[in-house]
Structure formats: structure tokens, C-alpha cells
């Protein structure tokens, strides 16, 4: 299939995520792709295979999102956001997600392509001190003074921790920034705000 000249021109004949110029393919962004230029992105073979989950994610390859996420093209922003969500177990990806701003319409488009896990009932749930389910990005409040090992300070009761991330496969641990330092916190010492 021949690539659309408008897509090639917009992308300057390079992958719109990693800037590679080899083995380029048009990718229609689900779920409502209609084949128009506005809902397509030009991808190299490596990005295409990982975006479509033909190949496993190569974490080092996706550091390219540090640049492509700043694109002014909504389709590129959507794919950068979705890939950063898939990589959100990595601290660098979480940091990029915190910096990435999408307008409401583009964010809704990006979120519409995220499918819930098939085994959602088997996933690890992180619960706060009151039994509320914690989600990535939540704000929590400390319910106890915590000595931060290696940090040389005590995180005081009542301290708000914004934009938490969940530690995969460990339901009693979350991560968050306190006094500018990323720390691991036991879920039994926080309550969801």
C-alpha cells in the first residue's frame, strides 16, 4: 500500500515517534480511525510492531517520546500519551506523563483507546488505610509521621503526596514525592484525598 503524500510531508518522511526513516507505515489510531490524515501517524517498523503489540516493548527505544510528546499534531500527542501510559511502571515515563499537557478533546481521544485488562478481577489492588482503592495519579495524605530512610527527614502526618504511582505486584507499596524526593510509602499509612 502506498503511503499518503500528505502524511509523508507532515512527518518529513520520518517516524513521528522516534524519527527513524526506515520501513515506514501509516498507522490508523483506534478506536474510531477513519483513514483520514488527522487520525493517522507515520511509524517505523520498530514502533509499529510495539504499538500494535506484535513485539514486546523495548523500554530503551521509547525514550524517544521525550521529544515526540511535544509535537503539535494531536495524533502524535495521542500515541505518545498512550505509549507513556503503557510504560507507566517506569519512573521516567511517569515523569514525562506528569509534564505532558493535552487539551480536553485530545485527552479524551487518547483515553478512548485504552482498553481495560481482560483479567481485571485478578489485578493487584492498592488500598489505603480506610480500604479505598488507590489509582495512579491520586493525591493521598499521610496518616502517620514517617521516618524516611536515607532521606534524613521525617514526612509529617497530614502531608499531601500528589500524583502517586503504584508499585506493580506489590499492593502495599506506592511511590510519591515528599520534600522533592521520590520515596516508597506503605499504603496503610496513607488515606486517599
N, C-alpha and C. Protein backbone atom coordinates (compact mmCIF):
# COMPACT_ATOMS: atom_id res chain seq x y z
N UNK A 1 0.85 -1.18 0.00
CA UNK A 1 0.00 0.00 0.00
C UNK A 1 0.89 1.24 0.00
N UNK A 2 0.61 2.17 -0.89
CA UNK A 2 1.39 3.40 -0.99
C UNK A 2 1.01 4.34 0.15
N UNK A 3 2.01 5.02 0.67
CA UNK A 3 1.76 5.96 1.75
C UNK A 3 1.18 7.25 1.18
N UNK A 4 0.28 7.85 1.92
CA UNK A 4 -0.32 9.12 1.53
C UNK A 4 0.75 10.20 1.52
N UNK A 5 0.78 10.99 0.44
CA UNK A 5 1.81 12.04 0.31
C UNK A 5 1.64 13.11 1.40
N UNK A 6 0.41 13.36 1.84
CA UNK A 6 0.18 14.34 2.91
C UNK A 6 0.79 13.88 4.22
N UNK A 7 0.68 12.58 4.51
CA UNK A 7 1.25 12.02 5.73
C UNK A 7 2.77 12.05 5.67
N UNK A 8 3.33 11.68 4.53
CA UNK A 8 4.79 11.73 4.36
C UNK A 8 5.31 13.16 4.50
N UNK A 9 4.59 14.10 3.93
CA UNK A 9 5.00 15.51 4.01
C UNK A 9 4.94 16.02 5.45
N UNK A 10 3.81 15.74 6.14
CA UNK A 10 3.67 16.19 7.54
C UNK A 10 4.78 15.62 8.41
N UNK A 11 5.11 14.35 8.19
CA UNK A 11 6.10 13.65 9.03
C UNK A 11 7.53 13.84 8.53
N UNK A 12 7.69 14.55 7.42
CA UNK A 12 9.02 14.75 6.82
C UNK A 12 9.70 13.42 6.54
N UNK A 13 8.90 12.43 6.13
CA UNK A 13 9.37 11.08 5.78
C UNK A 13 10.15 10.41 6.90
N UNK A 14 9.71 10.65 8.14
CA UNK A 14 10.32 10.04 9.33
C UNK A 14 9.22 9.53 10.24
N UNK A 15 9.56 8.54 11.05
CA UNK A 15 8.64 8.06 12.08
C UNK A 15 8.30 9.24 13.00
N UNK A 16 7.01 9.43 13.26
CA UNK A 16 6.60 10.58 14.06
C UNK A 16 6.83 10.36 15.56
N UNK A 17 7.25 9.17 15.95
CA UNK A 17 7.57 8.93 17.35
C UNK A 17 9.07 8.89 17.60
N UNK A 18 9.84 8.21 16.72
CA UNK A 18 11.27 8.05 17.01
C UNK A 18 12.20 8.67 15.95
N UNK A 19 11.66 9.25 14.89
CA UNK A 19 12.43 9.91 13.82
C UNK A 19 13.21 8.97 12.92
N UNK A 20 12.98 7.67 12.99
CA UNK A 20 13.63 6.74 12.08
C UNK A 20 13.04 6.93 10.68
N UNK A 21 13.85 6.71 9.67
CA UNK A 21 13.33 6.88 8.30
C UNK A 21 13.26 5.56 7.55
N UNK A 22 13.38 4.43 8.26
CA UNK A 22 13.36 3.12 7.59
C UNK A 22 12.03 2.41 7.79
N UNK A 23 11.59 1.72 6.76
CA UNK A 23 10.40 0.87 6.77
C UNK A 23 9.19 1.56 7.40
N UNK A 24 8.77 2.65 6.79
CA UNK A 24 7.67 3.45 7.34
C UNK A 24 6.30 2.89 6.93
N UNK A 25 5.35 2.99 7.89
CA UNK A 25 3.98 2.53 7.67
C UNK A 25 3.02 3.55 8.25
N UNK A 26 1.87 3.69 7.61
CA UNK A 26 0.80 4.50 8.18
C UNK A 26 0.08 3.66 9.24
N UNK A 27 -0.25 4.27 10.35
CA UNK A 27 -0.98 3.59 11.41
C UNK A 27 -2.25 4.39 11.71
N UNK A 28 -3.41 3.74 11.55
CA UNK A 28 -4.69 4.37 11.89
C UNK A 28 -4.92 4.21 13.38
N UNK A 29 -5.13 5.33 14.07
CA UNK A 29 -5.24 5.32 15.52
C UNK A 29 -6.64 4.87 15.94
N UNK A 30 -6.73 3.73 16.66
CA UNK A 30 -8.03 3.25 17.12
C UNK A 30 -8.55 4.12 18.27
N UNK A 31 -9.79 4.08 18.65
CA UNK A 31 -10.78 3.11 18.20
C UNK A 31 -11.62 3.60 17.02
N UNK A 32 -11.60 4.88 16.71
CA UNK A 32 -12.51 5.42 15.69
C UNK A 32 -11.78 5.88 14.44
N UNK A 33 -10.68 5.24 14.09
CA UNK A 33 -9.91 5.65 12.92
C UNK A 33 -10.77 5.57 11.66
N UNK A 34 -10.69 6.61 10.85
CA UNK A 34 -11.48 6.64 9.63
C UNK A 34 -10.61 6.77 8.39
N UNK A 35 -9.30 6.59 8.54
CA UNK A 35 -8.39 6.63 7.41
C UNK A 35 -7.99 8.02 6.97
N UNK A 36 -8.42 9.06 7.69
CA UNK A 36 -8.03 10.42 7.33
C UNK A 36 -6.67 10.75 7.92
N UNK A 37 -6.04 11.74 7.34
CA UNK A 37 -4.72 12.18 7.78
C UNK A 37 -4.72 12.57 9.26
N UNK A 38 -5.81 13.18 9.72
CA UNK A 38 -5.89 13.62 11.11
C UNK A 38 -5.88 12.47 12.11
N UNK A 39 -6.24 11.27 11.66
CA UNK A 39 -6.30 10.12 12.57
C UNK A 39 -5.27 9.06 12.23
N UNK A 40 -4.19 9.50 11.57
CA UNK A 40 -3.10 8.60 11.22
C UNK A 40 -1.79 9.16 11.75
N UNK A 41 -0.85 8.24 11.89
CA UNK A 41 0.50 8.61 12.29
C UNK A 41 1.45 7.75 11.47
N UNK A 42 2.60 8.29 11.13
CA UNK A 42 3.60 7.55 10.37
C UNK A 42 4.58 6.91 11.36
N UNK A 43 4.72 5.58 11.28
CA UNK A 43 5.57 4.84 12.22
C UNK A 43 6.61 4.02 11.47
N UNK A 44 7.77 3.85 12.11
CA UNK A 44 8.77 2.93 11.58
C UNK A 44 8.35 1.51 11.95
N UNK A 45 9.05 0.55 11.41
CA UNK A 45 8.73 -0.86 11.66
C UNK A 45 8.82 -1.22 13.15
N UNK A 46 9.83 -0.68 13.84
CA UNK A 46 10.03 -0.97 15.27
C UNK A 46 8.88 -0.42 16.10
N UNK A 47 8.55 0.85 15.89
CA UNK A 47 7.44 1.45 16.65
C UNK A 47 6.13 0.76 16.33
N UNK A 48 5.88 0.48 15.05
CA UNK A 48 4.63 -0.16 14.64
C UNK A 48 4.45 -1.52 15.33
N UNK A 49 5.50 -2.32 15.35
CA UNK A 49 5.41 -3.66 15.96
C UNK A 49 5.15 -3.58 17.46
N UNK A 50 5.66 -2.54 18.11
CA UNK A 50 5.45 -2.41 19.55
C UNK A 50 4.13 -1.72 19.88
N UNK A 51 3.73 -0.75 19.08
CA UNK A 51 2.44 -0.09 19.28
C UNK A 51 1.31 -1.09 19.11
N UNK A 52 1.41 -1.94 18.10
CA UNK A 52 0.36 -2.92 17.82
C UNK A 52 0.53 -4.21 18.64
N UNK A 53 1.53 -4.24 19.49
CA UNK A 53 1.82 -5.34 20.41
C UNK A 53 2.17 -6.64 19.70
N UNK A 54 2.73 -6.51 18.49
CA UNK A 54 3.27 -7.68 17.79
C UNK A 54 4.55 -8.10 18.52
N UNK A 55 5.37 -7.12 18.88
CA UNK A 55 6.61 -7.37 19.64
C UNK A 55 6.47 -6.81 21.04
N UNK A 56 7.27 -7.34 21.97
CA UNK A 56 7.29 -6.82 23.33
C UNK A 56 7.90 -5.43 23.33
N UNK A 57 7.57 -4.65 24.37
CA UNK A 57 8.11 -3.30 24.48
C UNK A 57 9.60 -3.33 24.76
N UNK A 58 10.36 -2.55 24.00
CA UNK A 58 11.77 -2.32 24.25
C UNK A 58 11.85 -0.98 24.98
N UNK A 59 12.02 -1.03 26.29
CA UNK A 59 11.95 0.18 27.11
C UNK A 59 12.91 1.26 26.64
N UNK A 60 14.11 0.88 26.23
CA UNK A 60 15.10 1.87 25.80
C UNK A 60 14.67 2.59 24.53
N UNK A 61 13.98 1.90 23.65
CA UNK A 61 13.54 2.53 22.40
C UNK A 61 12.61 3.70 22.68
N UNK A 62 11.77 3.60 23.71
CA UNK A 62 10.72 4.58 23.93
C UNK A 62 11.17 5.86 24.63
N UNK A 63 12.46 5.97 24.91
CA UNK A 63 12.96 7.26 25.43
C UNK A 63 12.77 8.36 24.38
N UNK A 64 12.52 7.96 23.13
CA UNK A 64 12.26 8.91 22.05
C UNK A 64 11.02 9.76 22.33
N UNK A 65 10.13 9.27 23.17
CA UNK A 65 8.91 10.02 23.49
C UNK A 65 9.21 11.32 24.21
N UNK A 66 10.39 11.43 24.79
CA UNK A 66 10.81 12.67 25.45
C UNK A 66 10.76 13.85 24.48
N UNK A 67 10.97 13.59 23.19
CA UNK A 67 10.90 14.65 22.18
C UNK A 67 9.57 14.66 21.46
N UNK A 68 9.10 13.48 21.03
CA UNK A 68 7.89 13.44 20.19
C UNK A 68 6.63 13.86 20.94
N UNK A 69 6.60 13.75 22.28
CA UNK A 69 5.41 14.13 23.02
C UNK A 69 5.11 15.62 22.91
N UNK A 70 6.09 16.42 22.48
CA UNK A 70 5.90 17.87 22.35
C UNK A 70 5.37 18.27 20.98
N UNK A 71 5.09 17.30 20.13
CA UNK A 71 4.55 17.57 18.80
C UNK A 71 3.26 18.39 18.91
N UNK A 72 3.00 19.22 17.92
CA UNK A 72 1.75 19.99 17.88
C UNK A 72 0.64 19.22 17.18
N UNK A 73 0.95 18.02 16.70
CA UNK A 73 -0.02 17.22 15.95
C UNK A 73 -0.78 16.33 16.94
N UNK A 74 -2.10 16.49 17.05
CA UNK A 74 -2.88 15.72 18.04
C UNK A 74 -2.68 14.20 17.92
N UNK A 75 -2.59 13.66 16.71
CA UNK A 75 -2.42 12.21 16.56
C UNK A 75 -1.12 11.74 17.20
N UNK A 76 -0.06 12.53 17.08
CA UNK A 76 1.23 12.18 17.68
C UNK A 76 1.13 12.30 19.20
N UNK A 77 0.46 13.34 19.68
CA UNK A 77 0.28 13.52 21.12
C UNK A 77 -0.48 12.33 21.71
N UNK A 78 -1.52 11.88 21.01
CA UNK A 78 -2.34 10.74 21.48
C UNK A 78 -1.48 9.49 21.60
N UNK A 79 -0.68 9.20 20.57
CA UNK A 79 0.14 7.99 20.62
C UNK A 79 1.24 8.10 21.67
N UNK A 80 1.82 9.28 21.84
CA UNK A 80 2.83 9.47 22.89
C UNK A 80 2.21 9.22 24.26
N UNK A 81 1.01 9.77 24.50
CA UNK A 81 0.33 9.60 25.78
C UNK A 81 0.02 8.13 26.03
N UNK A 82 -0.51 7.44 25.00
CA UNK A 82 -0.85 6.02 25.17
C UNK A 82 0.38 5.17 25.46
N UNK A 83 1.49 5.45 24.76
CA UNK A 83 2.70 4.67 25.00
C UNK A 83 3.26 4.97 26.39
N UNK A 84 3.22 6.21 26.82
CA UNK A 84 3.69 6.55 28.17
C UNK A 84 2.81 5.86 29.22
N UNK A 85 1.52 5.75 28.95
CA UNK A 85 0.64 5.02 29.87
C UNK A 85 1.06 3.55 29.95
N UNK A 86 1.37 2.95 28.80
CA UNK A 86 1.80 1.54 28.80
C UNK A 86 3.12 1.36 29.53
N UNK A 87 3.94 2.41 29.56
CA UNK A 87 5.26 2.35 30.19
C UNK A 87 5.25 2.94 31.59
N UNK A 88 4.07 3.21 32.14
CA UNK A 88 3.98 3.96 33.39
C UNK A 88 4.61 3.26 34.60
N UNK A 89 5.02 2.01 34.45
CA UNK A 89 5.73 1.36 35.56
C UNK A 89 7.17 1.90 35.65
N UNK A 90 7.63 2.59 34.61
CA UNK A 90 8.98 3.18 34.59
C UNK A 90 8.91 4.61 35.13
N UNK A 91 9.81 4.97 36.03
CA UNK A 91 9.75 6.31 36.63
C UNK A 91 9.92 7.41 35.59
N UNK A 92 10.79 7.21 34.58
CA UNK A 92 10.99 8.25 33.57
C UNK A 92 9.71 8.48 32.77
N UNK A 93 8.95 7.42 32.51
CA UNK A 93 7.69 7.56 31.76
C UNK A 93 6.65 8.30 32.61
N UNK A 94 6.60 8.00 33.91
CA UNK A 94 5.67 8.72 34.80
C UNK A 94 6.02 10.19 34.84
N UNK A 95 7.33 10.51 34.88
CA UNK A 95 7.75 11.91 34.89
C UNK A 95 7.31 12.62 33.61
N UNK A 96 7.46 11.95 32.46
CA UNK A 96 7.04 12.55 31.20
C UNK A 96 5.52 12.74 31.17
N UNK A 97 4.78 11.76 31.68
CA UNK A 97 3.32 11.89 31.72
C UNK A 97 2.89 13.09 32.56
N UNK A 98 3.61 13.34 33.66
CA UNK A 98 3.28 14.48 34.51
C UNK A 98 3.49 15.79 33.76
N UNK A 99 4.47 15.83 32.86
CA UNK A 99 4.77 17.05 32.10
C UNK A 99 3.86 17.24 30.89
N UNK A 100 3.34 16.14 30.35
CA UNK A 100 2.57 16.19 29.11
C UNK A 100 1.20 16.81 29.34
N UNK A 101 0.92 17.86 28.58
CA UNK A 101 -0.39 18.50 28.64
C UNK A 101 -1.13 18.24 27.34
N UNK A 102 -2.35 17.73 27.45
CA UNK A 102 -3.23 17.54 26.29
C UNK A 102 -4.50 18.33 26.55
N UNK A 103 -5.01 19.01 25.51
CA UNK A 103 -6.30 19.69 25.70
C UNK A 103 -7.37 18.63 25.93
N UNK A 104 -8.53 19.04 26.40
CA UNK A 104 -9.57 18.10 26.82
C UNK A 104 -9.98 17.14 25.70
N UNK A 105 -10.13 17.65 24.49
CA UNK A 105 -10.57 16.82 23.37
C UNK A 105 -9.51 15.77 23.02
N UNK A 106 -8.24 16.17 23.00
CA UNK A 106 -7.16 15.25 22.67
C UNK A 106 -6.99 14.21 23.77
N UNK A 107 -7.12 14.62 25.03
CA UNK A 107 -7.02 13.68 26.15
C UNK A 107 -8.15 12.64 26.09
N UNK A 108 -9.36 13.09 25.77
CA UNK A 108 -10.48 12.16 25.65
C UNK A 108 -10.21 11.15 24.53
N UNK A 109 -9.64 11.61 23.43
CA UNK A 109 -9.29 10.72 22.32
C UNK A 109 -8.25 9.70 22.78
N UNK A 110 -7.22 10.18 23.48
CA UNK A 110 -6.15 9.29 23.96
C UNK A 110 -6.72 8.24 24.91
N UNK A 111 -7.58 8.66 25.82
CA UNK A 111 -8.14 7.73 26.81
C UNK A 111 -9.12 6.75 26.18
N UNK A 112 -9.74 7.12 25.07
CA UNK A 112 -10.72 6.23 24.44
C UNK A 112 -10.06 4.99 23.86
N UNK A 113 -8.76 5.03 23.66
CA UNK A 113 -8.07 3.87 23.09
C UNK A 113 -7.50 2.93 24.12
N UNK A 114 -7.65 3.24 25.39
CA UNK A 114 -7.14 2.38 26.45
C UNK A 114 -8.20 1.34 26.76
N UNK A 115 -7.85 0.09 26.59
CA UNK A 115 -8.81 -0.99 26.86
C UNK A 115 -8.52 -1.57 28.24
N UNK A 116 -9.56 -1.87 29.00
CA UNK A 116 -9.33 -2.47 30.32
C UNK A 116 -8.73 -3.86 30.17
N UNK A 117 -8.01 -4.24 31.17
CA UNK A 117 -7.37 -5.55 31.18
C UNK A 117 -8.42 -6.66 31.18
N UNK A 118 -8.14 -7.72 30.45
CA UNK A 118 -9.06 -8.85 30.39
C UNK A 118 -9.17 -9.51 31.76
N UNK A 119 -8.07 -9.54 32.49
CA UNK A 119 -8.05 -10.18 33.81
C UNK A 119 -8.15 -9.13 34.92
N UNK A 120 -9.02 -8.16 34.74
CA UNK A 120 -9.10 -7.06 35.69
C UNK A 120 -9.39 -7.54 37.11
N UNK A 121 -10.18 -8.60 37.24
CA UNK A 121 -10.50 -9.09 38.58
C UNK A 121 -9.29 -9.71 39.26
N UNK A 122 -8.25 -10.09 38.48
CA UNK A 122 -7.05 -10.68 39.05
C UNK A 122 -5.93 -9.67 39.28
N UNK A 123 -6.17 -8.40 38.95
CA UNK A 123 -5.11 -7.41 39.10
C UNK A 123 -4.94 -7.04 40.57
N UNK A 124 -3.74 -6.57 40.89
CA UNK A 124 -3.41 -6.17 42.24
C UNK A 124 -4.12 -4.86 42.56
N UNK A 125 -4.77 -4.79 43.70
CA UNK A 125 -5.44 -3.56 44.13
C UNK A 125 -4.65 -2.96 45.28
N UNK A 126 -4.39 -1.67 45.16
CA UNK A 126 -3.71 -0.92 46.22
C UNK A 126 -4.80 -0.21 47.03
N UNK A 127 -4.86 -0.51 48.33
CA UNK A 127 -5.88 0.06 49.20
C UNK A 127 -5.24 0.95 50.25
N UNK A 128 -5.89 2.11 50.53
CA UNK A 128 -5.36 3.00 51.57
C UNK A 128 -5.76 2.49 52.95
N UNK A 129 -5.46 3.26 53.99
CA UNK A 129 -5.73 2.85 55.37
C UNK A 129 -7.22 2.63 55.63
N UNK A 130 -8.08 3.26 54.84
CA UNK A 130 -9.53 3.12 55.01
C UNK A 130 -10.15 2.11 54.04
N UNK A 131 -9.32 1.45 53.23
CA UNK A 131 -9.82 0.47 52.29
C UNK A 131 -10.23 1.03 50.94
N UNK A 132 -9.98 2.33 50.70
CA UNK A 132 -10.31 2.93 49.39
C UNK A 132 -9.27 2.50 48.36
N UNK A 133 -9.72 2.23 47.14
CA UNK A 133 -8.82 1.81 46.06
C UNK A 133 -8.01 3.01 45.58
N UNK A 134 -6.70 2.84 45.51
CA UNK A 134 -5.81 3.90 45.03
C UNK A 134 -5.54 3.70 43.55
N UNK A 135 -5.48 4.80 42.81
CA UNK A 135 -5.21 4.78 41.37
C UNK A 135 -3.96 5.62 41.10
N UNK A 136 -3.24 5.33 40.01
CA UNK A 136 -2.09 6.18 39.67
C UNK A 136 -2.55 7.62 39.47
N UNK A 137 -1.77 8.55 40.01
CA UNK A 137 -2.09 9.97 39.88
C UNK A 137 -2.91 10.53 41.02
N UNK A 138 -3.41 9.65 41.93
CA UNK A 138 -4.20 10.12 43.08
C UNK A 138 -3.34 10.98 44.00
N UNK A 139 -4.03 11.77 44.82
CA UNK A 139 -3.40 12.51 45.90
C UNK A 139 -3.78 11.80 47.20
N UNK A 140 -2.77 11.56 48.04
CA UNK A 140 -3.01 10.91 49.33
C UNK A 140 -2.44 11.79 50.43
N UNK A 141 -2.90 11.55 51.65
CA UNK A 141 -2.42 12.27 52.82
C UNK A 141 -1.83 11.25 53.79
N UNK A 142 -0.68 11.58 54.36
CA UNK A 142 -0.06 10.69 55.34
C UNK A 142 -0.87 10.70 56.63
N UNK A 143 -1.08 9.53 57.23
CA UNK A 143 -1.85 9.44 58.47
C UNK A 143 -0.94 9.21 59.67
N UNK A 144 0.37 9.20 59.42
CA UNK A 144 1.34 8.95 60.48
C UNK A 144 2.66 9.62 60.09
N UNK A 145 3.43 10.11 61.08
CA UNK A 145 4.79 10.59 60.81
C UNK A 145 5.64 9.43 60.34
N UNK A 146 6.37 9.61 59.25
CA UNK A 146 7.20 8.54 58.69
C UNK A 146 8.65 8.98 58.59
N UNK A 147 9.56 8.20 59.18
CA UNK A 147 10.98 8.47 59.02
C UNK A 147 11.40 7.97 57.65
N UNK A 148 12.00 8.85 56.85
CA UNK A 148 12.42 8.48 55.50
C UNK A 148 13.85 8.00 55.57
N UNK A 149 14.02 6.69 55.40
CA UNK A 149 15.37 6.10 55.47
C UNK A 149 16.20 6.61 54.31
N UNK A 150 17.38 7.08 54.61
CA UNK A 150 18.28 7.59 53.58
C UNK A 150 17.96 9.01 53.15
N UNK A 151 16.82 9.53 53.58
CA UNK A 151 16.42 10.88 53.19
C UNK A 151 16.81 11.91 54.23
N UNK A 152 17.00 11.45 55.46
CA UNK A 152 17.41 12.36 56.52
C UNK A 152 16.31 13.31 56.98
N UNK A 153 15.04 12.94 56.79
CA UNK A 153 13.95 13.78 57.26
C UNK A 153 12.77 12.90 57.65
N UNK A 154 11.81 13.52 58.32
CA UNK A 154 10.58 12.83 58.68
C UNK A 154 9.43 13.45 57.90
N UNK A 155 8.68 12.61 57.21
CA UNK A 155 7.49 13.07 56.49
C UNK A 155 6.37 13.15 57.53
N UNK A 156 5.87 14.34 57.74
CA UNK A 156 4.91 14.59 58.81
C UNK A 156 3.50 14.14 58.46
N UNK A 157 2.77 13.73 59.48
CA UNK A 157 1.36 13.38 59.34
C UNK A 157 0.62 14.57 58.74
N UNK A 158 -0.28 14.30 57.79
CA UNK A 158 -1.04 15.38 57.14
C UNK A 158 -0.41 15.89 55.86
N UNK A 159 0.81 15.43 55.56
CA UNK A 159 1.48 15.84 54.33
C UNK A 159 0.73 15.26 53.13
N UNK A 160 0.44 16.11 52.14
CA UNK A 160 -0.23 15.65 50.92
C UNK A 160 0.83 15.16 49.93
N UNK A 161 0.61 14.00 49.36
CA UNK A 161 1.50 13.44 48.34
C UNK A 161 0.68 13.38 47.06
N UNK A 162 1.06 14.21 46.08
CA UNK A 162 0.28 14.31 44.84
C UNK A 162 0.88 13.44 43.74
N UNK A 163 0.00 12.97 42.87
CA UNK A 163 0.45 12.23 41.69
C UNK A 163 1.18 10.94 42.02
N UNK A 164 0.61 10.14 42.90
CA UNK A 164 1.28 8.90 43.30
C UNK A 164 1.35 7.92 42.12
N UNK A 165 2.26 6.97 42.23
CA UNK A 165 2.30 5.85 41.29
C UNK A 165 2.25 4.57 42.12
N UNK A 166 1.70 3.53 41.50
CA UNK A 166 1.55 2.27 42.20
C UNK A 166 2.72 1.36 41.88
N UNK A 167 3.19 0.63 42.86
CA UNK A 167 4.27 -0.33 42.64
C UNK A 167 3.62 -1.62 42.14
N UNK A 168 3.91 -2.02 40.89
CA UNK A 168 3.27 -3.22 40.33
C UNK A 168 3.56 -4.46 41.18
N UNK A 169 2.59 -5.31 41.30
CA UNK A 169 2.71 -6.60 42.01
C UNK A 169 3.01 -6.48 43.50
N UNK A 170 2.96 -5.28 44.05
CA UNK A 170 3.16 -5.10 45.48
C UNK A 170 2.05 -4.19 46.01
N UNK A 171 0.92 -4.75 46.41
CA UNK A 171 -0.25 -3.94 46.75
C UNK A 171 -0.07 -3.04 47.98
N UNK A 172 0.93 -3.31 48.79
CA UNK A 172 1.09 -2.47 49.98
C UNK A 172 2.09 -1.32 49.78
N UNK A 173 2.60 -1.12 48.55
CA UNK A 173 3.57 -0.05 48.28
C UNK A 173 3.06 0.90 47.20
N UNK A 174 3.26 2.20 47.45
CA UNK A 174 3.06 3.22 46.43
C UNK A 174 4.32 4.08 46.41
N UNK A 175 4.46 4.91 45.37
CA UNK A 175 5.57 5.85 45.30
C UNK A 175 5.02 7.25 45.16
N UNK A 176 5.75 8.21 45.73
CA UNK A 176 5.35 9.60 45.61
C UNK A 176 6.49 10.51 46.03
N UNK A 177 6.32 11.80 45.75
CA UNK A 177 7.36 12.78 46.09
C UNK A 177 6.99 13.50 47.39
N UNK A 178 7.95 13.48 48.32
CA UNK A 178 7.82 14.22 49.57
C UNK A 178 9.11 15.01 49.72
N UNK A 179 8.98 16.30 49.96
CA UNK A 179 10.15 17.20 50.06
C UNK A 179 11.05 17.08 48.83
N UNK A 180 10.45 16.91 47.67
CA UNK A 180 11.21 16.83 46.42
C UNK A 180 11.93 15.52 46.19
N UNK A 181 11.70 14.53 47.05
CA UNK A 181 12.38 13.25 46.94
C UNK A 181 11.36 12.14 46.69
N UNK A 182 11.63 11.29 45.69
CA UNK A 182 10.76 10.15 45.38
C UNK A 182 10.97 9.07 46.44
N UNK A 183 9.88 8.68 47.12
CA UNK A 183 10.00 7.67 48.17
C UNK A 183 8.92 6.60 48.00
N UNK A 184 9.15 5.44 48.60
CA UNK A 184 8.16 4.37 48.65
C UNK A 184 7.42 4.51 49.98
N UNK A 185 6.10 4.42 49.92
CA UNK A 185 5.27 4.59 51.11
C UNK A 185 4.36 3.37 51.25
N UNK A 186 4.20 2.89 52.46
CA UNK A 186 3.26 1.79 52.72
C UNK A 186 1.83 2.33 52.65
N UNK A 187 0.96 1.61 51.95
CA UNK A 187 -0.41 2.09 51.76
C UNK A 187 -1.18 2.20 53.08
N UNK A 188 -0.80 1.44 54.10
CA UNK A 188 -1.51 1.51 55.37
C UNK A 188 -1.27 2.83 56.11
N UNK A 189 -0.32 3.64 55.61
CA UNK A 189 -0.03 4.92 56.24
C UNK A 189 -0.54 6.11 55.45
N UNK A 190 -1.44 5.87 54.48
CA UNK A 190 -1.99 6.97 53.70
C UNK A 190 -3.51 6.83 53.60
N UNK A 191 -4.16 7.96 53.35
CA UNK A 191 -5.59 7.93 53.02
C UNK A 191 -5.78 8.77 51.77
N UNK A 192 -6.68 8.30 50.93
CA UNK A 192 -6.98 8.96 49.67
C UNK A 192 -7.65 10.31 49.93
N UNK A 193 -7.20 11.33 49.23
CA UNK A 193 -7.78 12.67 49.43
C UNK A 193 -8.97 12.88 48.54
